Amino acid sequence: MSNPDIRSQTQPQIQQQFQVWQEPVYRATQLLHWLYARRAAHWDEMTNLPKSLRQHLAETYAFSWPELARRQGAKDTTQKFLWRLADGALIESVLIPASPGLYGEPSDRHTLCVSTQVGCAYGCKFCASGLDGWKRNLGVEEIVNQVLAVERTESGGGRLISNLVIMGMGEPLANYDNLLAALRILNAPWGGGMGARKITVSTSGLAPQIRRLADEPQQFRLAVSLHGATDETRVRIMPINKKYPLKELTAACAYYQEKKGRMITLEYILIAGVNDGLDQTAPLAKLALSLHAKVNLIPYNKVEGLPWVRPEEPAQEAFLAALERHRVTATLRREKGGEIDAACGQLRLQTEREMKSGG
């Protein structure tokens, strides 16, 4: 059995191990400072820890760090990172300059979109993440390391990321235990130190896990990848709706809203000829108003090999205006990152296909 990764361990777990080694308590504090404040990538960087302690740590814990396999930057300063993990698997993270009001952050902030799985098993018809199927869940440290590695790469290890959005590759709530363990580390004062209300967890609609998340003590925000305001529309593009239809999904969201008292975001990718008709706005508005939710409209980002396209801008604006006439709080994302394959899984898919073809 392989050693646990050091960044999968909590402060109490590390302190307990240090007691076994008869190390003073302050050594655990020093280690955590290196891991999360300094974003250390190697044991040898931890120069104020005795060499004997570093040896103990190296023998007891793995210390993984993702390799930056590829990077793309957009004109709007959106950055996409393709990471190669220890087993060779590829995952993506996207650093997005803030759009005021999108998740409540000021315009000078940066949001990181984080992946939770290699591939995806849920088969949304418009998404690149699941085109090559699901491979595995990410470990706790592989989720945490995306945040630390981006900050080490972009700001030399200083604090850069102000908000996290867990809606990269994979279905976050299908990797529930590892995700929550990672978020607790990123939220902890001894860890990432990021406020829970700065962290948004997205789901395609796993109703039981939404209820479970509602019962967690942390005030994480919830975003639901809705993409259809009726069961008929949603089933066409999201197979998950067969298992958890809208009645069950909205009941779970209502439970979350009741428990947390926080506004939910309904993500709605606009796909031409699929869900962009104005007849969709009334049921969408009814659902949003019943949940006290806001709607984030996202023009579809074209994926090679899939037939879907985004509506023309006048159709996008008409959809937004119709929602606003229903008194729904809605935003239309003037989309960032389109020129860098920023839809979930695109860069990974492109890179893997190039590798297979020898390109």
Protein backbone atom coordinates (compact mmCIF):
# COMPACT_ATOMS: atom_id res chain seq x y z
CA MET A 1 0.00 0.00 0.00
CA SER A 2 1.39 3.39 -0.99
CA ASN A 3 2.07 6.11 1.53
CA PRO A 4 -0.60 8.80 1.99
CA ASP A 5 0.16 12.12 0.36
CA ILE A 6 1.16 14.84 2.82
CA ARG A 7 -1.43 17.24 1.37
CA SER A 8 -4.22 14.76 2.08
CA GLN A 9 -3.49 15.01 5.80
CA THR A 10 -5.23 17.31 8.28
CA GLN A 11 -3.52 19.34 10.97
CA PRO A 12 -4.59 16.90 13.76
CA GLN A 13 -3.29 13.93 11.75
CA ILE A 14 0.09 15.61 11.24
CA GLN A 15 0.30 16.66 14.87
CA GLN A 16 -0.45 13.11 15.99
CA GLN A 17 2.35 11.73 13.78
CA PHE A 18 4.76 14.34 15.11
CA GLN A 19 3.92 13.27 18.66
CA VAL A 20 4.83 9.69 17.74
CA TRP A 21 8.14 11.00 16.44
CA GLN A 22 8.53 13.08 19.62
CA GLU A 23 8.78 16.26 17.58
CA PRO A 24 7.69 19.55 19.19
CA VAL A 25 4.28 20.92 18.21
CA TYR A 26 5.76 23.97 16.48
CA ARG A 27 7.38 21.69 13.89
CA ALA A 28 3.93 20.74 12.61
CA THR A 29 3.12 24.43 12.28
CA GLN A 30 6.33 24.97 10.33
CA LEU A 31 5.48 22.10 7.99
CA LEU A 32 1.98 23.41 7.31
CA HIS A 33 3.42 26.86 6.60
CA TRP A 34 5.69 25.34 3.97
CA LEU A 35 2.87 23.35 2.42
CA TYR A 36 0.20 26.05 2.21
CA ALA A 37 1.70 29.51 2.76
CA ARG A 38 4.92 28.90 0.82
CA ARG A 39 3.47 26.36 -1.67
CA ALA A 40 6.55 24.15 -1.33
CA ALA A 41 6.94 21.45 -3.99
CA HIS A 42 9.83 19.45 -2.45
CA TRP A 43 10.92 18.40 1.03
CA ASP A 44 14.32 20.04 0.48
CA GLU A 45 12.70 23.46 0.24
CA MET A 46 11.73 23.22 3.92
CA THR A 47 15.05 24.55 5.13
CA ASN A 48 14.07 25.25 8.75
CA LEU A 49 13.03 21.64 9.34
CA PRO A 50 15.85 19.35 10.60
CA LYS A 51 17.23 17.01 7.97
CA SER A 52 16.28 14.01 10.12
CA LEU A 53 12.63 15.18 10.23
CA ARG A 54 12.58 15.71 6.47
CA GLN A 55 13.88 12.17 6.10
CA HIS A 56 11.08 10.85 8.32
CA LEU A 57 8.54 12.78 6.27
CA ALA A 58 9.93 11.48 2.96
CA GLU A 59 9.77 7.88 4.21
CA THR A 60 6.23 8.23 5.59
CA TYR A 61 4.41 10.43 3.08
CA ALA A 62 4.20 10.86 -0.66
CA PHE A 63 4.67 14.45 -1.82
CA SER A 64 3.12 14.71 -5.26
CA TRP A 65 3.16 17.80 -7.40
CA PRO A 66 1.50 18.07 -10.81
CA GLU A 67 3.62 18.69 -13.89
CA LEU A 68 2.52 21.55 -16.12
CA ALA A 69 2.05 19.74 -19.43
CA ARG A 70 0.54 22.59 -21.42
CA ARG A 71 -0.73 26.10 -20.94
CA GLN A 72 -2.86 28.45 -22.98
CA GLY A 73 -3.53 32.12 -22.39
CA ALA A 74 -6.38 34.15 -23.80
CA LYS A 75 -6.54 37.81 -24.74
CA ASP A 76 -8.82 38.50 -21.77
CA THR A 77 -6.09 36.99 -19.51
CA THR A 78 -7.99 33.76 -18.92
CA GLN A 79 -5.39 31.03 -18.44
CA LYS A 80 -5.90 27.30 -18.93
CA PHE A 81 -3.51 24.83 -17.30
CA LEU A 82 -3.17 21.19 -18.33
CA TRP A 83 -1.60 19.17 -15.49
CA ARG A 84 0.02 15.74 -15.78
CA LEU A 85 -0.48 13.74 -12.59
CA ALA A 86 1.84 11.10 -11.12
CA ASP A 87 0.16 8.29 -13.09
CA GLY A 88 0.29 10.24 -16.34
CA ALA A 89 -3.37 11.27 -16.29
CA LEU A 90 -4.21 14.75 -17.57
CA ILE A 91 -6.56 17.23 -15.90
CA GLU A 92 -7.38 20.90 -16.41
CA SER A 93 -7.67 24.03 -14.28
CA VAL A 94 -8.80 27.42 -15.60
CA LEU A 95 -7.87 30.76 -14.04
CA ILE A 96 -10.52 33.36 -14.84
CA PRO A 97 -10.34 37.11 -14.23
CA ALA A 98 -13.47 38.13 -12.39
CA SER A 99 -16.68 39.26 -14.00
CA PRO A 100 -18.29 41.57 -11.43
CA GLY A 101 -21.36 40.00 -9.90
CA LEU A 102 -20.89 36.55 -11.45
CA TYR A 103 -20.22 34.84 -8.13
CA GLY A 104 -20.33 37.95 -5.98
CA GLU A 105 -16.65 38.78 -6.35
CA PRO A 106 -15.21 42.24 -7.08
CA SER A 107 -13.69 42.81 -10.51
CA ASP A 108 -10.08 42.69 -9.28
CA ARG A 109 -10.35 39.08 -8.11
CA HIS A 110 -9.35 35.80 -9.74
CA THR A 111 -11.42 32.64 -9.81
CA LEU A 112 -9.93 29.19 -10.34
CA CYS A 113 -12.07 26.48 -11.92
CA VAL A 114 -10.93 23.16 -10.45
CA SER A 115 -11.34 19.57 -11.70
CA THR A 116 -12.38 16.65 -9.49
CA GLN A 117 -12.14 13.63 -11.81
CA VAL A 118 -10.15 12.32 -14.76
CA GLY A 119 -12.88 12.26 -17.38
CA CYS A 120 -16.56 12.06 -16.49
CA ALA A 121 -19.15 9.29 -16.36
CA TYR A 122 -22.26 11.44 -16.70
CA GLY A 123 -22.24 11.90 -20.46
CA CYS A 124 -23.70 15.38 -20.92
CA LYS A 125 -24.15 15.51 -24.68
CA PHE A 126 -22.52 18.92 -25.16
CA CYS A 127 -19.44 18.42 -22.96
CA ALA A 128 -15.88 17.39 -23.87
CA SER A 129 -15.01 16.05 -20.42
CA GLY A 130 -16.73 12.71 -20.86
CA LEU A 131 -16.01 12.03 -24.54
CA ASP A 132 -13.30 9.52 -23.64
CA GLY A 133 -15.19 8.23 -20.60
CA TRP A 134 -14.44 8.26 -16.89
CA LYS A 135 -11.01 7.14 -15.70
CA ARG A 136 -10.86 7.78 -11.95
CA ASN A 137 -11.58 10.16 -9.10
CA LEU A 138 -8.92 12.66 -8.07
CA GLY A 139 -7.33 12.20 -4.68
CA VAL A 140 -7.62 14.87 -1.98
CA GLU A 141 -4.12 16.17 -2.71
CA GLU A 142 -4.75 16.26 -6.48
CA ILE A 143 -7.65 18.66 -5.92
CA VAL A 144 -5.72 20.80 -3.40
CA ASN A 145 -2.60 20.87 -5.58
CA GLN A 146 -4.39 22.54 -8.50
CA VAL A 147 -4.84 25.65 -6.36
CA LEU A 148 -1.32 25.65 -4.98
CA ALA A 149 0.34 24.86 -8.31
CA VAL A 150 -1.47 27.68 -10.13
CA GLU A 151 -0.42 30.16 -7.44
CA ARG A 152 3.16 28.91 -7.49
CA THR A 153 3.21 29.19 -11.29
CA GLU A 154 1.46 32.55 -11.60
CA SER A 155 2.55 34.51 -8.52
CA GLY A 156 5.66 32.75 -7.29
CA GLY A 157 3.74 31.19 -4.40
CA GLY A 158 1.88 34.28 -3.18
CA ARG A 159 -1.88 34.46 -2.73
CA LEU A 160 -3.55 35.05 -6.07
CA ILE A 161 -6.80 33.06 -6.15
CA SER A 162 -9.70 34.65 -4.33
CA ASN A 163 -12.53 32.34 -5.38
CA LEU A 164 -12.84 28.65 -6.27
CA VAL A 165 -15.43 27.17 -8.59
CA ILE A 166 -15.56 23.38 -8.50
CA MET A 167 -16.90 22.80 -11.99
CA GLY A 168 -13.94 21.67 -14.07
CA MET A 169 -13.58 18.15 -15.45
CA GLY A 170 -15.83 15.56 -13.82
CA GLU A 171 -18.91 15.60 -11.60
CA PRO A 172 -17.75 17.04 -8.25
CA LEU A 173 -20.42 15.42 -6.10
CA ALA A 174 -19.61 11.98 -7.54
CA ASN A 175 -16.24 12.31 -5.76
CA TYR A 176 -17.90 13.61 -2.62
CA ASP A 177 -15.60 12.40 0.17
CA ASN A 178 -12.34 13.43 -1.50
CA LEU A 179 -13.83 16.76 -2.58
CA LEU A 180 -15.07 17.67 0.89
CA ALA A 181 -11.77 16.64 2.48
CA ALA A 182 -9.92 18.85 -0.01
CA LEU A 183 -12.27 21.80 0.52
CA ARG A 184 -11.89 21.56 4.29
CA ILE A 185 -8.10 21.76 3.84
CA LEU A 186 -8.41 24.73 1.47
CA ASN A 187 -10.82 26.40 3.88
CA ALA A 188 -8.86 25.75 7.10
CA PRO A 189 -6.84 28.60 8.69
CA TRP A 190 -3.83 26.26 8.80
CA GLY A 191 -4.38 25.29 5.15
CA GLY A 192 -5.56 27.36 2.21
CA GLY A 193 -7.31 29.92 4.42
CA MET A 194 -10.05 30.52 1.85
CA GLY A 195 -13.50 31.42 3.14
CA ALA A 196 -16.20 28.81 2.49
CA ARG A 197 -18.40 31.46 0.90
CA LYS A 198 -15.68 32.01 -1.69
CA ILE A 199 -16.02 28.37 -2.80
CA THR A 200 -18.78 27.32 -5.20
CA VAL A 201 -19.51 23.63 -5.71
CA SER A 202 -21.19 22.74 -8.99
CA THR A 203 -23.23 19.66 -9.84
CA SER A 204 -25.12 18.36 -12.84
CA GLY A 205 -27.90 17.30 -10.49
CA LEU A 206 -26.99 14.58 -7.96
CA ALA A 207 -29.93 15.22 -5.66
CA PRO A 208 -28.90 13.01 -2.68
CA GLN A 209 -25.44 14.58 -2.55
CA ILE A 210 -26.94 18.08 -2.72
CA ARG A 211 -28.88 17.25 0.44
CA ARG A 212 -25.72 15.84 2.02
CA LEU A 213 -23.83 19.02 1.15
CA ALA A 214 -26.63 21.07 2.71
CA ASP A 215 -26.01 19.29 6.02
CA GLU A 216 -22.28 20.14 6.06
CA PRO A 217 -21.30 22.87 8.54
CA GLN A 218 -19.36 24.91 5.97
CA GLN A 219 -21.19 27.61 4.01
CA PHE A 220 -20.12 26.51 0.53
CA ARG A 221 -22.10 27.99 -2.33
CA LEU A 222 -24.02 25.76 -4.73
CA ALA A 223 -24.28 26.00 -8.52
CA VAL A 224 -26.48 23.63 -10.49
CA SER A 225 -25.66 22.88 -14.12
CA LEU A 226 -29.28 23.02 -15.23
CA HIS A 227 -29.15 23.67 -19.00
CA GLY A 228 -32.82 22.82 -19.43
CA ALA A 229 -35.96 24.17 -17.75
CA THR A 230 -38.14 21.15 -18.57
CA ASP A 231 -37.55 17.42 -18.22
CA GLU A 232 -38.01 17.01 -21.97
CA THR A 233 -35.23 19.47 -22.79
CA ARG A 234 -32.92 18.35 -20.01
CA VAL A 235 -33.17 14.62 -20.81
CA ARG A 236 -32.14 15.38 -24.40
CA ILE A 237 -28.74 16.68 -23.34
CA MET A 238 -28.23 15.47 -19.74
CA PRO A 239 -28.72 11.74 -19.01
CA ILE A 240 -28.56 12.43 -15.25
CA ASN A 241 -32.08 13.85 -15.52
CA LYS A 242 -33.46 10.33 -16.06
CA LYS A 243 -32.26 9.34 -12.59
CA TYR A 244 -32.94 12.66 -10.87
CA PRO A 245 -35.68 14.52 -12.80
CA LEU A 246 -36.37 18.18 -12.16
CA LYS A 247 -38.95 17.56 -9.43
CA GLU A 248 -36.40 15.64 -7.36
CA LEU A 249 -33.55 18.01 -8.20
CA THR A 250 -35.49 21.15 -7.31
CA ALA A 251 -36.64 19.60 -4.02
CA ALA A 252 -33.01 18.95 -3.11
CA CYS A 253 -32.07 22.52 -4.09
CA ALA A 254 -34.92 23.88 -1.99
CA TYR A 255 -33.60 21.86 0.96
CA TYR A 256 -30.13 23.33 0.39
CA GLN A 257 -31.47 26.85 0.19
CA GLU A 258 -33.52 26.35 3.35
CA LYS A 259 -30.56 24.96 5.30
CA LYS A 260 -27.96 27.46 4.10
CA GLY A 261 -29.99 30.58 3.39
CA ARG A 262 -27.65 31.24 0.45
CA MET A 263 -28.64 32.07 -3.10
CA ILE A 264 -28.16 29.18 -5.53
CA THR A 265 -26.83 29.75 -9.04
CA LEU A 266 -28.47 27.97 -11.97
CA GLU A 267 -25.94 27.53 -14.78
CA TYR A 268 -27.61 27.51 -18.18
CA ILE A 269 -25.51 26.93 -21.31
CA LEU A 270 -27.34 28.39 -24.30
CA ILE A 271 -27.27 25.91 -27.22
CA ALA A 272 -28.81 26.97 -30.51
CA GLY A 273 -31.98 25.07 -31.38
CA VAL A 274 -31.88 23.03 -28.17
CA ASN A 275 -32.64 25.18 -25.13
CA ASP A 276 -32.47 28.78 -26.37
CA GLY A 277 -36.10 29.18 -27.43
CA LEU A 278 -38.04 31.88 -25.65
CA ASP A 279 -40.60 29.22 -24.68
CA GLN A 280 -37.96 27.98 -22.23
CA THR A 281 -37.80 31.27 -20.32
CA ALA A 282 -41.13 30.96 -18.49
CA PRO A 283 -40.43 27.53 -16.92
CA LEU A 284 -36.85 28.61 -16.18
CA ALA A 285 -38.09 31.77 -14.50
CA LYS A 286 -40.66 29.83 -12.46
CA LEU A 287 -37.97 27.43 -11.24
CA ALA A 288 -35.47 30.21 -10.44
CA LEU A 289 -38.02 32.30 -8.54
CA SER A 290 -39.23 29.31 -6.52
CA LEU A 291 -35.64 28.62 -5.41
CA HIS A 292 -34.66 32.30 -4.94
CA ALA A 293 -31.90 31.46 -7.42
CA LYS A 294 -30.02 33.53 -9.95
CA VAL A 295 -29.44 32.35 -13.51
CA ASN A 296 -26.04 32.47 -15.20
CA LEU A 297 -26.45 32.26 -18.97
CA ILE A 298 -23.39 30.90 -20.79
CA PRO A 299 -23.17 30.87 -24.60
CA TYR A 300 -22.08 27.41 -25.73
CA ASN A 301 -18.36 26.95 -26.36
CA LYS A 302 -17.94 24.83 -29.53
CA VAL A 303 -16.38 21.39 -29.02
CA GLU A 304 -14.76 19.67 -31.99
CA GLY A 305 -16.68 16.58 -32.99
CA LEU A 306 -19.97 17.66 -31.41
CA PRO A 307 -22.83 19.15 -33.44
CA TRP A 308 -23.91 21.91 -31.06
CA VAL A 309 -23.37 25.63 -31.67
CA ARG A 310 -24.05 28.78 -29.70
CA PRO A 311 -26.97 31.06 -30.53
CA GLU A 312 -26.29 34.34 -32.26
CA GLU A 313 -25.82 37.30 -29.92
CA PRO A 314 -29.30 38.79 -30.54
CA ALA A 315 -30.86 35.47 -29.49
CA GLN A 316 -28.71 35.43 -26.36
CA GLU A 317 -29.75 38.95 -25.46
CA ALA A 318 -33.43 38.17 -26.15
CA PHE A 319 -33.28 35.18 -23.79
CA LEU A 320 -31.74 37.35 -21.06
CA ALA A 321 -34.32 40.11 -21.58
CA ALA A 322 -37.19 37.60 -21.34
CA LEU A 323 -35.88 36.32 -18.00
CA GLU A 324 -35.51 39.85 -16.70
CA ARG A 325 -39.12 40.59 -17.65
CA HIS A 326 -40.04 37.73 -15.31
CA ARG A 327 -38.03 39.55 -12.59
CA VAL A 328 -35.33 36.87 -12.50
CA THR A 329 -31.82 37.86 -11.43
CA ALA A 330 -29.80 36.80 -14.46
CA THR A 331 -26.43 37.45 -16.07
CA LEU A 332 -25.21 36.68 -19.56
CA ARG A 333 -21.58 35.70 -19.57
CA ARG A 334 -19.72 37.67 -22.19
CA GLU A 335 -17.76 34.51 -22.54
CA LYS A 336 -14.13 34.30 -21.46
CA GLY A 337 -11.56 31.90 -22.79
CA GLY A 338 -13.25 30.82 -26.01
CA GLU A 339 -10.04 31.11 -27.97
CA ILE A 340 -8.19 28.78 -25.59
CA ASP A 341 -10.53 25.76 -25.70
CA ALA A 342 -11.84 26.77 -22.29
CA ALA A 343 -14.85 24.46 -22.19
CA CYS A 344 -14.36 21.60 -19.73
CA GLY A 345 -12.04 18.90 -21.05
CA GLN A 346 -11.24 20.43 -24.45
CA LEU A 347 -7.51 20.96 -23.96
CA ARG A 348 -7.07 17.53 -22.37
CA LEU A 349 -8.98 15.85 -25.21
CA GLN A 350 -7.00 17.69 -27.86
CA THR A 351 -3.69 16.85 -26.19
CA GLU A 352 -4.50 13.15 -25.71
CA ARG A 353 -5.58 12.81 -29.34
CA GLU A 354 -2.37 14.50 -30.51
CA MET A 355 -0.34 12.08 -28.37
CA LYS A 356 -2.17 9.04 -29.81
CA SER A 357 -1.65 10.25 -33.37
CA GLY A 358 1.97 11.14 -32.74
CA GLY A 359 1.27 14.85 -33.34
